[in-house]
Amino acid sequence: MKILLAEDDLNVSVITQLCLEKIGGHSVTIATDGDQALNAALNESFDLIILDGMMPKLSGLEVAHELHSRGLTETPIIFLSAKSEEKDVKQFQAMGAGFIAKPFDPQTINMRIQEILAEKGLIAS
């Protein structure tokens, strides 16, 4: 799977990228802020977009809103965020396929992604 990972925390992005690539066998492109994420998503095709909820320039929700407003709704979006109050989670889930709360175990992120996509019927379980 070709994944866009938008995460502004260098440690989180490096560890997550390694787990997605080495354990999951995925190809990962990193964006370090919302502008980079939006530009990458508009100019390249991805199988999955993982957005940090809070990033510089544009938040994950702002990136998702912009992608949806441009009709780019085919690629599933999973949000990563420390904002895990019920109202925040509902916003993330309304704009994407799923939500993973921070902190999370990077070694289980591949399994969690598969669970979310299977729950939404986006892949076979």
PDB file of N, CA and C in Angstrom:
ATOM      1  N   MET A   1       0.844  -1.168   0.000  1.00  0.00           N
ATOM      2  CA  MET A   1       0.000   0.000   0.000  1.00  0.00           C
ATOM      3  C   MET A   1       0.897   1.242   0.000  1.00  0.00           C
ATOM      4  N   LYS A   2       0.488   2.246  -0.750  1.00  0.00           N
ATOM      5  CA  LYS A   2       1.204   3.517  -0.796  1.00  0.00           C
ATOM      6  C   LYS A   2       0.510   4.485   0.165  1.00  0.00           C
ATOM      7  N   ILE A   3       1.267   4.922   1.191  1.00  0.00           N
ATOM      8  CA  ILE A   3       0.688   5.707   2.269  1.00  0.00           C
ATOM      9  C   ILE A   3       1.339   7.083   2.357  1.00  0.00           C
ATOM     10  N   LEU A   4       0.497   8.115   2.544  1.00  0.00           N
ATOM     11  CA  LEU A   4       0.972   9.448   2.886  1.00  0.00           C
ATOM     12  C   LEU A   4       0.815   9.584   4.395  1.00  0.00           C
ATOM     13  N   LEU A   5       1.917   9.823   5.096  1.00  0.00           N
ATOM     14  CA  LEU A   5       1.919  10.018   6.541  1.00  0.00           C
ATOM     15  C   LEU A   5       2.242  11.479   6.826  1.00  0.00           C
ATOM     16  N   ALA A   6       1.267  12.217   7.344  1.00  0.00           N
ATOM     17  CA  ALA A   6       1.464  13.622   7.683  1.00  0.00           C
ATOM     18  C   ALA A   6       1.580  13.734   9.193  1.00  0.00           C
ATOM     19  N   GLU A   7       2.789  14.010   9.657  1.00  0.00           N
ATOM     20  CA  GLU A   7       3.084  14.060  11.093  1.00  0.00           C
ATOM     21  C   GLU A   7       4.208  15.053  11.313  1.00  0.00           C
ATOM     22  N   ASP A   8       3.990  16.030  12.209  1.00  0.00           N
ATOM     23  CA  ASP A   8       5.008  17.056  12.423  1.00  0.00           C
ATOM     24  C   ASP A   8       6.038  16.682  13.483  1.00  0.00           C
ATOM     25  N   ASP A   9       5.781  15.664  14.282  1.00  0.00           N
ATOM     26  CA  ASP A   9       6.745  15.219  15.290  1.00  0.00           C
ATOM     27  C   ASP A   9       7.721  14.247  14.625  1.00  0.00           C
ATOM     28  N   LEU A  10       8.976  14.652  14.517  1.00  0.00           N
ATOM     29  CA  LEU A  10       9.983  13.854  13.808  1.00  0.00           C
ATOM     30  C   LEU A  10      10.109  12.449  14.377  1.00  0.00           C
ATOM     31  N   ASN A  11      10.135  12.317  15.695  1.00  0.00           N
ATOM     32  CA  ASN A  11      10.271  10.989  16.308  1.00  0.00           C
ATOM     33  C   ASN A  11       9.102  10.086  15.956  1.00  0.00           C
ATOM     34  N   VAL A  12       7.893  10.615  16.046  1.00  0.00           N
ATOM     35  CA  VAL A  12       6.703   9.831  15.727  1.00  0.00           C
ATOM     36  C   VAL A  12       6.706   9.442  14.254  1.00  0.00           C
ATOM     37  N   SER A  13       7.047  10.379  13.370  1.00  0.00           N
ATOM     38  CA  SER A  13       7.013  10.069  11.937  1.00  0.00           C
ATOM     39  C   SER A  13       8.067   9.037  11.547  1.00  0.00           C
ATOM     40  N   VAL A  14       9.277   9.141  12.097  1.00  0.00           N
ATOM     41  CA  VAL A  14      10.339   8.192  11.752  1.00  0.00           C
ATOM     42  C   VAL A  14       9.989   6.788  12.237  1.00  0.00           C
ATOM     43  N   ILE A  15       9.552   6.687  13.484  1.00  0.00           N
ATOM     44  CA  ILE A  15       9.211   5.366  14.038  1.00  0.00           C
ATOM     45  C   ILE A  15       8.017   4.765  13.305  1.00  0.00           C
ATOM     46  N   THR A  16       7.005   5.580  13.058  1.00  0.00           N
ATOM     47  CA  THR A  16       5.817   5.090  12.352  1.00  0.00           C
ATOM     48  C   THR A  16       6.163   4.665  10.934  1.00  0.00           C
ATOM     49  N   GLN A  17       6.972   5.474  10.247  1.00  0.00           N
ATOM     50  CA  GLN A  17       7.389   5.122   8.894  1.00  0.00           C
ATOM     51  C   GLN A  17       8.133   3.789   8.883  1.00  0.00           C
ATOM     52  N   LEU A  18       9.057   3.612   9.801  1.00  0.00           N
ATOM     53  CA  LEU A  18       9.801   2.349   9.870  1.00  0.00           C
ATOM     54  C   LEU A  18       8.865   1.165  10.078  1.00  0.00           C
ATOM     55  N   CYS A  19       7.919   1.305  10.986  1.00  0.00           N
ATOM     56  CA  CYS A  19       6.980   0.206  11.240  1.00  0.00           C
ATOM     57  C   CYS A  19       6.086  -0.075  10.034  1.00  0.00           C
ATOM     58  N   LEU A  20       5.610   0.982   9.388  1.00  0.00           N
ATOM     59  CA  LEU A  20       4.771   0.789   8.209  1.00  0.00           C
ATOM     60  C   LEU A  20       5.537   0.124   7.074  1.00  0.00           C
ATOM     61  N   GLU A  21       6.790   0.516   6.905  1.00  0.00           N
ATOM     62  CA  GLU A  21       7.594  -0.044   5.809  1.00  0.00           C
ATOM     63  C   GLU A  21       8.151  -1.418   6.144  1.00  0.00           C
ATOM     64  N   LYS A  22       8.780  -1.557   7.310  1.00  0.00           N
ATOM     65  CA  LYS A  22       9.481  -2.807   7.645  1.00  0.00           C
ATOM     66  C   LYS A  22       8.529  -3.918   8.061  1.00  0.00           C
ATOM     67  N   ILE A  23       7.515  -3.585   8.862  1.00  0.00           N
ATOM     68  CA  ILE A  23       6.578  -4.607   9.328  1.00  0.00           C
ATOM     69  C   ILE A  23       5.430  -4.774   8.332  1.00  0.00           C
ATOM     70  N   GLY A  24       4.912  -3.658   7.828  1.00  0.00           N
ATOM     71  CA  GLY A  24       3.749  -3.713   6.943  1.00  0.00           C
ATOM     72  C   GLY A  24       4.056  -3.868   5.475  1.00  0.00           C
ATOM     73  N   GLY A  25       5.300  -3.577   5.084  1.00  0.00           N
ATOM     74  CA  GLY A  25       5.671  -3.682   3.675  1.00  0.00           C
ATOM     75  C   GLY A  25       5.093  -2.572   2.809  1.00  0.00           C
ATOM     76  N   HIS A  26       4.734  -1.459   3.425  1.00  0.00           N
ATOM     77  CA  HIS A  26       4.129  -0.355   2.694  1.00  0.00           C
ATOM     78  C   HIS A  26       5.203   0.633   2.219  1.00  0.00           C
ATOM     79  N   SER A  27       4.829   1.441   1.244  1.00  0.00           N
ATOM     80  CA  SER A  27       5.654   2.549   0.777  1.00  0.00           C
ATOM     81  C   SER A  27       5.094   3.812   1.427  1.00  0.00           C
ATOM     82  N   VAL A  28       5.959   4.582   2.116  1.00  0.00           N
ATOM     83  CA  VAL A  28       5.484   5.727   2.890  1.00  0.00           C
ATOM     84  C   VAL A  28       6.141   7.020   2.423  1.00  0.00           C
ATOM     85  N   THR A  29       5.310   8.030   2.196  1.00  0.00           N
ATOM     86  CA  THR A  29       5.762   9.389   1.918  1.00  0.00           C
ATOM     87  C   THR A  29       5.437  10.224   3.147  1.00  0.00           C
ATOM     88  N   ILE A  30       6.400  11.011   3.607  1.00  0.00           N
ATOM     89  CA  ILE A  30       6.227  11.825   4.806  1.00  0.00           C
ATOM     90  C   ILE A  30       5.952  13.283   4.442  1.00  0.00           C
ATOM     91  N   ALA A  31       4.979  13.868   5.130  1.00  0.00           N
ATOM     92  CA  ALA A  31       4.736  15.311   5.080  1.00  0.00           C
ATOM     93  C   ALA A  31       4.849  15.809   6.514  1.00  0.00           C
ATOM     94  N   THR A  32       5.513  16.949   6.711  1.00  0.00           N
ATOM     95  CA  THR A  32       5.739  17.435   8.072  1.00  0.00           C
ATOM     96  C   THR A  32       4.797  18.565   8.493  1.00  0.00           C
ATOM     97  N   ASP A  33       3.923  18.989   7.592  1.00  0.00           N
ATOM     98  CA  ASP A  33       2.906  19.973   7.958  1.00  0.00           C
ATOM     99  C   ASP A  33       1.705  19.806   7.028  1.00  0.00           C
ATOM    100  N   GLY A  34       0.641  20.531   7.333  1.00  0.00           N
ATOM    101  CA  GLY A  34      -0.582  20.390   6.564  1.00  0.00           C
ATOM    102  C   GLY A  34      -0.469  20.811   5.113  1.00  0.00           C
ATOM    103  N   ASP A  35       0.302  21.860   4.838  1.00  0.00           N
ATOM    104  CA  ASP A  35       0.502  22.288   3.444  1.00  0.00           C
ATOM    105  C   ASP A  35       1.180  21.200   2.622  1.00  0.00           C
ATOM    106  N   GLN A  36       2.246  20.617   3.169  1.00  0.00           N
ATOM    107  CA  GLN A  36       2.943  19.537   2.465  1.00  0.00           C
ATOM    108  C   GLN A  36       2.006  18.354   2.234  1.00  0.00           C
ATOM    109  N   ALA A  37       1.206  18.031   3.241  1.00  0.00           N
ATOM    110  CA  ALA A  37       0.272  16.914   3.112  1.00  0.00           C
ATOM    111  C   ALA A  37      -0.748  17.175   2.007  1.00  0.00           C
ATOM    112  N   LEU A  38      -1.310  18.376   1.993  1.00  0.00           N
ATOM    113  CA  LEU A  38      -2.299  18.721   0.974  1.00  0.00           C
ATOM    114  C   LEU A  38      -1.676  18.679  -0.415  1.00  0.00           C
ATOM    115  N   ASN A  39      -0.509  19.274  -0.576  1.00  0.00           N
ATOM    116  CA  ASN A  39       0.162  19.262  -1.884  1.00  0.00           C
ATOM    117  C   ASN A  39       0.478  17.847  -2.340  1.00  0.00           C
ATOM    118  N   ALA A  40       0.976  17.021  -1.438  1.00  0.00           N
ATOM    119  CA  ALA A  40       1.293  15.636  -1.807  1.00  0.00           C
ATOM    120  C   ALA A  40       0.029  14.895  -2.226  1.00  0.00           C
ATOM    121  N   ALA A  41      -1.056  15.053  -1.454  1.00  0.00           N
ATOM    122  CA  ALA A  41      -2.310  14.358  -1.757  1.00  0.00           C
ATOM    123  C   ALA A  41      -2.927  14.824  -3.067  1.00  0.00           C
ATOM    124  N   LEU A  42      -2.714  16.092  -3.422  1.00  0.00           N
ATOM    125  CA  LEU A  42      -3.262  16.622  -4.673  1.00  0.00           C
ATOM    126  C   LEU A  42      -2.431  16.230  -5.884  1.00  0.00           C
ATOM    127  N   ASN A  43      -1.151  15.972  -5.667  1.00  0.00           N
ATOM    128  CA  ASN A  43      -0.250  15.730  -6.793  1.00  0.00           C
ATOM    129  C   ASN A  43       0.188  14.292  -6.974  1.00  0.00           C
ATOM    130  N   GLU A  44      -0.196  13.432  -6.049  1.00  0.00           N
ATOM    131  CA  GLU A  44       0.226  12.045  -6.116  1.00  0.00           C
ATOM    132  C   GLU A  44      -0.930  11.160  -5.681  1.00  0.00           C
ATOM    133  N   SER A  45      -0.939   9.935  -6.134  1.00  0.00           N
ATOM    134  CA  SER A  45      -1.999   9.004  -5.764  1.00  0.00           C
ATOM    135  C   SER A  45      -1.545   8.139  -4.591  1.00  0.00           C
ATOM    136  N   PHE A  46      -2.374   8.051  -3.559  1.00  0.00           N
ATOM    137  CA  PHE A  46      -2.081   7.241  -2.382  1.00  0.00           C
ATOM    138  C   PHE A  46      -3.226   6.272  -2.125  1.00  0.00           C
ATOM    139  N   ASP A  47      -2.911   5.148  -1.500  1.00  0.00           N
ATOM    140  CA  ASP A  47      -3.937   4.178  -1.108  1.00  0.00           C
ATOM    141  C   ASP A  47      -4.538   4.528   0.249  1.00  0.00           C
ATOM    142  N   LEU A  48      -3.773   5.285   1.046  1.00  0.00           N
ATOM    143  CA  LEU A  48      -4.204   5.673   2.391  1.00  0.00           C
ATOM    144  C   LEU A  48      -3.491   6.958   2.777  1.00  0.00           C
ATOM    145  N   ILE A  49      -4.213   7.832   3.474  1.00  0.00           N
ATOM    146  CA  ILE A  49      -3.625   9.056   4.013  1.00  0.00           C
ATOM    147  C   ILE A  49      -3.799   9.018   5.528  1.00  0.00           C
ATOM    148  N   ILE A  50      -2.694   9.182   6.245  1.00  0.00           N
ATOM    149  CA  ILE A  50      -2.717   9.245   7.704  1.00  0.00           C
ATOM    150  C   ILE A  50      -2.359  10.670   8.094  1.00  0.00           C
ATOM    151  N   LEU A  51      -3.285  11.347   8.774  1.00  0.00           N
ATOM    152  CA  LEU A  51      -3.112  12.759   9.114  1.00  0.00           C
ATOM    153  C   LEU A  51      -3.043  12.966  10.620  1.00  0.00           C
ATOM    154  N   ASP A  52      -2.010  13.654  11.062  1.00  0.00           N
ATOM    155  CA  ASP A  52      -1.942  14.125  12.440  1.00  0.00           C
ATOM    156  C   ASP A  52      -3.062  15.146  12.608  1.00  0.00           C
ATOM    157  N   GLY A  53      -3.754  15.082  13.716  1.00  0.00           N
ATOM    158  CA  GLY A  53      -4.847  16.025  13.949  1.00  0.00           C
ATOM    159  C   GLY A  53      -4.391  17.459  14.068  1.00  0.00           C
ATOM    160  N   MET A  54      -3.233  17.661  14.691  1.00  0.00           N
ATOM    161  CA  MET A  54      -2.721  19.014  14.917  1.00  0.00           C
ATOM    162  C   MET A  54      -1.339  19.138  14.282  1.00  0.00           C
ATOM    163  N   MET A  55      -1.273  19.926  13.218  1.00  0.00           N
ATOM    164  CA  MET A  55      -0.009  20.162  12.506  1.00  0.00           C
ATOM    165  C   MET A  55       0.124  21.645  12.221  1.00  0.00           C
ATOM    166  N   PRO A  56       1.350  22.096  11.946  1.00  0.00           N
ATOM    167  CA  PRO A  56       1.531  23.487  11.518  1.00  0.00           C
ATOM    168  C   PRO A  56       0.871  23.736  10.160  1.00  0.00           C
ATOM    169  N   LYS A  57       0.533  24.960   9.914  1.00  0.00           N
ATOM    170  CA  LYS A  57      -0.018  25.482   8.662  1.00  0.00           C
ATOM    171  C   LYS A  57      -1.464  25.064   8.445  1.00  0.00           C
ATOM    172  N   LEU A  58      -1.754  23.787   8.336  1.00  0.00           N
ATOM    173  CA  LEU A  58      -3.123  23.280   8.238  1.00  0.00           C
ATOM    174  C   LEU A  58      -3.245  22.076   9.166  1.00  0.00           C
ATOM    175  N   SER A  59      -4.344  21.997   9.902  1.00  0.00           N
ATOM    176  CA  SER A  59      -4.569  20.825  10.743  1.00  0.00           C
ATOM    177  C   SER A  59      -4.979  19.637   9.867  1.00  0.00           C
ATOM    178  N   GLY A  60      -4.989  18.475  10.458  1.00  0.00           N
ATOM    179  CA  GLY A  60      -5.447  17.299   9.723  1.00  0.00           C
ATOM    180  C   GLY A  60      -6.873  17.456   9.233  1.00  0.00           C
ATOM    181  N   LEU A  61      -7.735  18.022  10.085  1.00  0.00           N
ATOM    182  CA  LEU A  61      -9.126  18.247   9.668  1.00  0.00           C
ATOM    183  C   LEU A  61      -9.209  19.232   8.515  1.00  0.00           C
ATOM    184  N   GLU A  62      -8.386  20.274   8.542  1.00  0.00           N
ATOM    185  CA  GLU A  62      -8.391  21.247   7.445  1.00  0.00           C
ATOM    186  C   GLU A  62      -7.930  20.600   6.143  1.00  0.00           C
ATOM    187  N   VAL A  63      -6.925  19.740   6.219  1.00  0.00           N
ATOM    188  CA  VAL A  63      -6.465  19.025   5.019  1.00  0.00           C
ATOM    189  C   VAL A  63      -7.591  18.144   4.488  1.00  0.00           C
ATOM    190  N   ALA A  64      -8.237  17.400   5.377  1.00  0.00           N
ATOM    191  CA  ALA A  64      -9.332  16.518   4.956  1.00  0.00           C
ATOM    192  C   ALA A  64     -10.473  17.317   4.345  1.00  0.00           C
ATOM    193  N   HIS A  65     -10.850  18.434   4.964  1.00  0.00           N
ATOM    194  CA  HIS A  65     -11.913  19.292   4.405  1.00  0.00           C
ATOM    195  C   HIS A  65     -11.539  19.772   3.005  1.00  0.00           C
ATOM    196  N   GLU A  66     -10.297  20.204   2.846  1.00  0.00           N
ATOM    197  CA  GLU A  66      -9.852  20.702   1.539  1.00  0.00           C
ATOM    198  C   GLU A  66      -9.879  19.585   0.489  1.00  0.00           C
ATOM    199  N   LEU A  67      -9.429  18.412   0.849  1.00  0.00           N
ATOM    200  CA  LEU A  67      -9.459  17.287  -0.092  1.00  0.00           C
ATOM    201  C   LEU A  67     -10.896  16.951  -0.473  1.00  0.00           C
ATOM    202  N   HIS A  68     -11.789  16.919   0.505  1.00  0.00           N
ATOM    203  CA  HIS A  68     -13.198  16.625   0.223  1.00  0.00           C
ATOM    204  C   HIS A  68     -13.830  17.707  -0.638  1.00  0.00           C
ATOM    205  N   SER A  69     -13.489  18.977  -0.371  1.00  0.00           N
ATOM    206  CA  SER A  69     -14.076  20.066  -1.149  1.00  0.00           C
ATOM    207  C   SER A  69     -13.628  20.015  -2.605  1.00  0.00           C
ATOM    208  N   ARG A  70     -12.496  19.384  -2.848  1.00  0.00           N
ATOM    209  CA  ARG A  70     -12.000  19.241  -4.229  1.00  0.00           C
ATOM    210  C   ARG A  70     -12.441  17.917  -4.856  1.00  0.00           C
ATOM    211  N   GLY A  71     -13.311  17.201  -4.152  1.00  0.00           N
ATOM    212  CA  GLY A  71     -13.851  15.951  -4.689  1.00  0.00           C
ATOM    213  C   GLY A  71     -12.941  14.744  -4.526  1.00  0.00           C
ATOM    214  N   LEU A  72     -11.893  14.880  -3.749  1.00  0.00           N
ATOM    215  CA  LEU A  72     -10.969  13.766  -3.549  1.00  0.00           C
ATOM    216  C   LEU A  72     -11.400  12.973  -2.312  1.00  0.00           C
ATOM    217  N   THR A  73     -12.359  12.088  -2.511  1.00  0.00           N
ATOM    218  CA  THR A  73     -12.940  11.337  -1.398  1.00  0.00           C
ATOM    219  C   THR A  73     -12.673   9.839  -1.480  1.00  0.00           C
ATOM    220  N   GLU A  74     -12.003   9.401  -2.527  1.00  0.00           N
ATOM    221  CA  GLU A  74     -11.762   7.970  -2.721  1.00  0.00           C
ATOM    222  C   GLU A  74     -10.716   7.402  -1.769  1.00  0.00           C
ATOM    223  N   THR A  75      -9.707   8.189  -1.441  1.00  0.00           N
ATOM    224  CA  THR A  75      -8.610   7.701  -0.605  1.00  0.00           C
ATOM    225  C   THR A  75      -9.021   7.769   0.866  1.00  0.00           C
ATOM    226  N   PRO A  76      -8.979   6.626   1.575  1.00  0.00           N
ATOM    227  CA  PRO A  76      -9.331   6.656   2.992  1.00  0.00           C
ATOM    228  C   PRO A  76      -8.341   7.496   3.800  1.00  0.00           C
ATOM    229  N   ILE A  77      -8.870   8.163   4.814  1.00  0.00           N
ATOM    230  CA  ILE A  77      -8.066   8.977   5.716  1.00  0.00           C
ATOM    231  C   ILE A  77      -8.212   8.423   7.124  1.00  0.00           C
ATOM    232  N   ILE A  78      -7.082   8.227   7.792  1.00  0.00           N
ATOM    233  CA  ILE A  78      -7.075   7.865   9.207  1.00  0.00           C
ATOM    234  C   ILE A  78      -6.368   8.983   9.944  1.00  0.00           C
ATOM    235  N   PHE A  79      -6.983   9.449  11.017  1.00  0.00           N
ATOM    236  CA  PHE A  79      -6.403  10.521  11.826  1.00  0.00           C
ATOM    237  C   PHE A  79      -5.633   9.952  13.006  1.00  0.00           C
ATOM    238  N   LEU A  80      -4.500  10.580  13.307  1.00  0.00           N
ATOM    239  CA  LEU A  80      -3.730  10.318  14.526  1.00  0.00           C
ATOM    240  C   LEU A  80      -3.815  11.590  15.350  1.00  0.00           C
ATOM    241  N   SER A  81      -4.191  11.473  16.608  1.00  0.00           N
ATOM    242  CA  SER A  81      -4.261  12.696  17.406  1.00  0.00           C
ATOM    243  C   SER A  81      -4.268  12.407  18.895  1.00  0.00           C
ATOM    244  N   ALA A  82      -3.694  13.346  19.639  1.00  0.00           N
ATOM    245  CA  ALA A  82      -3.767  13.309  21.102  1.00  0.00           C
ATOM    246  C   ALA A  82      -5.105  13.881  21.562  1.00  0.00           C
ATOM    247  N   LYS A  83      -5.792  14.569  20.667  1.00  0.00           N
ATOM    248  CA  LYS A  83      -7.121  15.102  20.992  1.00  0.00           C
ATOM    249  C   LYS A  83      -8.104  13.939  20.930  1.00  0.00           C
ATOM    250  N   SER A  84      -8.478  13.429  22.102  1.00  0.00           N
ATOM    251  CA  SER A  84      -9.319  12.234  22.099  1.00  0.00           C
ATOM    252  C   SER A  84     -10.614  12.403  22.907  1.00  0.00           C
ATOM    253  N   GLU A  85     -11.026  13.656  23.110  1.00  0.00           N
ATOM    254  CA  GLU A  85     -12.330  13.882  23.715  1.00  0.00           C
ATOM    255  C   GLU A  85     -13.397  13.445  22.711  1.00  0.00           C
ATOM    256  N   GLU A  86     -14.550  13.076  23.211  1.00  0.00           N
ATOM    257  CA  GLU A  86     -15.599  12.529  22.353  1.00  0.00           C
ATOM    258  C   GLU A  86     -15.931  13.433  21.169  1.00  0.00           C
ATOM    259  N   LYS A  87     -16.020  14.753  21.400  1.00  0.00           N
ATOM    260  CA  LYS A  87     -16.367  15.673  20.299  1.00  0.00           C
ATOM    261  C   LYS A  87     -15.270  15.698  19.234  1.00  0.00           C
ATOM    262  N   ASP A  88     -14.009  15.605  19.661  1.00  0.00           N
ATOM    263  CA  ASP A  88     -12.903  15.586  18.708  1.00  0.00           C
ATOM    264  C   ASP A  88     -12.909  14.295  17.892  1.00  0.00           C
ATOM    265  N   VAL A  89     -13.097  13.179  18.571  1.00  0.00           N
ATOM    266  CA  VAL A  89     -13.118  11.879  17.890  1.00  0.00           C
ATOM    267  C   VAL A  89     -14.253  11.840  16.873  1.00  0.00           C
ATOM    268  N   LYS A  90     -15.410  12.380  17.233  1.00  0.00           N
ATOM    269  CA  LYS A  90     -16.544  12.407  16.290  1.00  0.00           C
ATOM    270  C   LYS A  90     -16.215  13.226  15.050  1.00  0.00           C
ATOM    271  N   GLN A  91     -15.503  14.353  15.229  1.00  0.00           N
ATOM    272  CA  GLN A  91     -15.095  15.161  14.072  1.00  0.00           C
ATOM    273  C   GLN A  91     -14.153  14.367  13.177  1.00  0.00           C
ATOM    274  N   PHE A  92     -13.169  13.722  13.779  1.00  0.00           N
ATOM    275  CA  PHE A  92     -12.216  12.936  12.996  1.00  0.00           C
ATOM    276  C   PHE A  92     -12.930  11.811  12.251  1.00  0.00           C
ATOM    277  N   GLN A  93     -13.815  11.117  12.938  1.00  0.00           N
ATOM    278  CA  GLN A  93     -14.503   9.988  12.309  1.00  0.00           C
ATOM    279  C   GLN A  93     -15.462  10.444  11.212  1.00  0.00           C
ATOM    280  N   ALA A  94     -16.023  11.637  11.351  1.00  0.00           N
ATOM    281  CA  ALA A  94     -16.913  12.154  10.315  1.00  0.00           C
ATOM    282  C   ALA A  94     -16.158  12.491   9.034  1.00  0.00           C
ATOM    283  N   MET A  95     -14.897  12.862   9.174  1.00  0.00           N
ATOM    284  CA  MET A  95     -14.101  13.265   8.010  1.00  0.00           C
ATOM    285  C   MET A  95     -13.200  12.158   7.485  1.00  0.00           C
ATOM    286  N   GLY A  96     -13.127  11.036   8.171  1.00  0.00           N
ATOM    287  CA  GLY A  96     -12.200  10.002   7.734  1.00  0.00           C
ATOM    288  C   GLY A  96     -12.723   8.607   8.001  1.00  0.00           C
ATOM    289  N   ALA A  97     -11.890   7.652   7.662  1.00  0.00           N
ATOM    290  CA  ALA A  97     -12.247   6.251   7.862  1.00  0.00           C
ATOM    291  C   ALA A  97     -12.092   5.850   9.315  1.00  0.00           C
ATOM    292  N   GLY A  98     -11.204   6.540  10.044  1.00  0.00           N
ATOM    293  CA  GLY A  98     -10.987   6.145  11.419  1.00  0.00           C
ATOM    294  C   GLY A  98     -10.077   7.084  12.177  1.00  0.00           C
ATOM    295  N   PHE A  99      -9.802   6.687  13.412  1.00  0.00           N
ATOM    296  CA  PHE A  99      -9.051   7.508  14.349  1.00  0.00           C
ATOM    297  C   PHE A  99      -8.175   6.604  15.206  1.00  0.00           C
ATOM    298  N   ILE A 100      -6.927   7.006  15.389  1.00  0.00           N
ATOM    299  CA  ILE A 100      -6.008   6.324  16.285  1.00  0.00           C
ATOM    300  C   ILE A 100      -5.513   7.371  17.277  1.00  0.00           C
ATOM    301  N   ALA A 101      -5.719   7.101  18.561  1.00  0.00           N
ATOM    302  CA  ALA A 101      -5.331   8.049  19.604  1.00  0.00           C
ATOM    303  C   ALA A 101      -3.830   7.971  19.869  1.00  0.00           C
ATOM    304  N   LYS A 102      -3.238   9.133  20.117  1.00  0.00           N
ATOM    305  CA  LYS A 102      -1.846   9.205  20.549  1.00  0.00           C
ATOM    306  C   LYS A 102      -1.836   9.255  22.071  1.00  0.00           C
ATOM    307  N   PRO A 103      -0.872   8.667  22.714  1.00  0.00           N
ATOM    308  CA  PRO A 103       0.188   7.869  22.114  1.00  0.00           C
ATOM    309  C   PRO A 103      -0.344   6.500  21.684  1.00  0.00           C
ATOM    310  N   PHE A 104       0.283   5.940  20.669  1.00  0.00           N
ATOM    311  CA  PHE A 104      -0.093   4.621  20.172  1.00  0.00           C
ATOM    312  C   PHE A 104       1.168   3.783  20.062  1.00  0.00           C
ATOM    313  N   ASP A 105       0.979   2.482  19.973  1.00  0.00           N
ATOM    314  CA  ASP A 105       2.100   1.560  19.829  1.00  0.00           C
ATOM    315  C   ASP A 105       2.418   1.442  18.333  1.00  0.00           C
ATOM    316  N   PRO A 106       3.535   2.015  17.881  1.00  0.00           N
ATOM    317  CA  PRO A 106       3.855   1.975  16.454  1.00  0.00           C
ATOM    318  C   PRO A 106       3.946   0.554  15.884  1.00  0.00           C
ATOM    319  N   GLN A 107       4.322  -0.407  16.727  1.00  0.00           N
ATOM    320  CA  GLN A 107       4.446  -1.776  16.229  1.00  0.00           C
ATOM    321  C   GLN A 107       3.094  -2.410  15.907  1.00  0.00           C
ATOM    322  N   THR A 108       2.017  -1.846  16.446  1.00  0.00           N
ATOM    323  CA  THR A 108       0.694  -2.400  16.152  1.00  0.00           C
ATOM    324  C   THR A 108      -0.094  -1.530  15.167  1.00  0.00           C
ATOM    325  N   ILE A 109       0.542  -0.494  14.646  1.00  0.00           N
ATOM    326  CA  ILE A 109      -0.199   0.418  13.763  1.00  0.00           C
ATOM    327  C   ILE A 109      -0.684  -0.270  12.490  1.00  0.00           C
ATOM    328  N   ASN A 110       0.088  -1.201  11.953  1.00  0.00           N
ATOM    329  CA  ASN A 110      -0.356  -1.910  10.749  1.00  0.00           C
ATOM    330  C   ASN A 110      -1.636  -2.699  11.020  1.00  0.00           C
ATOM    331  N   MET A 111      -1.678  -3.376  12.156  1.00  0.00           N
ATOM    332  CA  MET A 111      -2.861  -4.129  12.525  1.00  0.00           C
ATOM    333  C   MET A 111      -4.056  -3.194  12.733  1.00  0.00           C
ATOM    334  N   ARG A 112      -3.828  -2.083  13.385  1.00  0.00           N
ATOM    335  CA  ARG A 112      -4.899  -1.117  13.649  1.00  0.00           C
ATOM    336  C   ARG A 112      -5.455  -0.536  12.342  1.00  0.00           C
ATOM    337  N   ILE A 113      -4.563  -0.219  11.404  1.00  0.00           N
ATOM    338  CA  ILE A 113      -4.994   0.281  10.096  1.00  0.00           C
ATOM    339  C   ILE A 113      -5.859  -0.753   9.392  1.00  0.00           C
ATOM    340  N   GLN A 114      -5.418  -1.998   9.395  1.00  0.00           N
ATOM    341  CA  GLN A 114      -6.188  -3.077   8.760  1.00  0.00           C
ATOM    342  C   GLN A 114      -7.563  -3.211   9.402  1.00  0.00           C
ATOM    343  N   GLU A 115      -7.629  -3.119  10.727  1.00  0.00           N
ATOM    344  CA  GLU A 115      -8.917  -3.207  11.438  1.00  0.00           C
ATOM    345  C   GLU A 115      -9.850  -2.079  11.009  1.00  0.00           C
ATOM    346  N   ILE A 116      -9.335  -0.858  10.970  1.00  0.00           N
ATOM    347  CA  ILE A 116     -10.157   0.297  10.606  1.00  0.00           C
ATOM    348  C   ILE A 116     -10.669   0.155   9.172  1.00  0.00           C
ATOM    349  N   LEU A 117      -9.784  -0.186   8.253  1.00  0.00           N
ATOM    350  CA  LEU A 117     -10.196  -0.308   6.850  1.00  0.00           C
ATOM    351  C   LEU A 117     -11.176  -1.461   6.657  1.00  0.00           C
ATOM    352  N   ALA A 118     -10.991  -2.563   7.391  1.00  0.00           N
ATOM    353  CA  ALA A 118     -11.919  -3.695   7.300  1.00  0.00           C
ATOM    354  C   ALA A 118     -13.289  -3.326   7.875  1.00  0.00           C
ATOM    355  N   GLU A 119     -13.298  -2.596   9.009  1.00  0.00           N
ATOM    356  CA  GLU A 119     -14.570  -2.157   9.613  1.00  0.00           C
ATOM    357  C   GLU A 119     -15.371  -1.298   8.650  1.00  0.00           C
ATOM    358  N   LYS A 120     -14.691  -0.494   7.853  1.00  0.00           N
ATOM    359  CA  LYS A 120     -15.349   0.393   6.891  1.00  0.00           C
ATOM    360  C   LYS A 120     -15.644  -0.302   5.561  1.00  0.00           C
ATOM    361  N   GLY A 121     -15.261  -1.581   5.452  1.00  0.00           N
ATOM    362  CA  GLY A 121     -15.480  -2.318   4.217  1.00  0.00           C
ATOM    363  C   GLY A 121     -14.563  -1.895   3.081  1.00  0.00           C
ATOM    364  N   LEU A 122     -13.421  -1.277   3.425  1.00  0.00           N
ATOM    365  CA  LEU A 122     -12.503  -0.792   2.405  1.00  0.00           C
ATOM    366  C   LEU A 122     -11.473  -1.848   1.998  1.00  0.00           C
ATOM    367  N   ILE A 123     -11.351  -2.896   2.815  1.00  0.00           N
ATOM    368  CA  ILE A 123     -10.530  -4.061   2.473  1.00  0.00           C
ATOM    369  C   ILE A 123     -11.217  -5.293   3.036  1.00  0.00           C
ATOM    370  N   ALA A 124     -10.839  -6.448   2.527  1.00  0.00           N
ATOM    371  CA  ALA A 124     -11.377  -7.691   3.067  1.00  0.00           C
ATOM    372  C   ALA A 124     -10.781  -7.942   4.446  1.00  0.00           C
ATOM    373  N   SER A 125     -11.598  -8.408   5.373  1.00  0.00           N
ATOM    374  CA  SER A 125     -11.084  -8.640   6.730  1.00  0.00           C
ATOM    375  C   SER A 125     -10.418  -9.990   6.867  1.00  0.00           C
TER     376      SER A 125
END
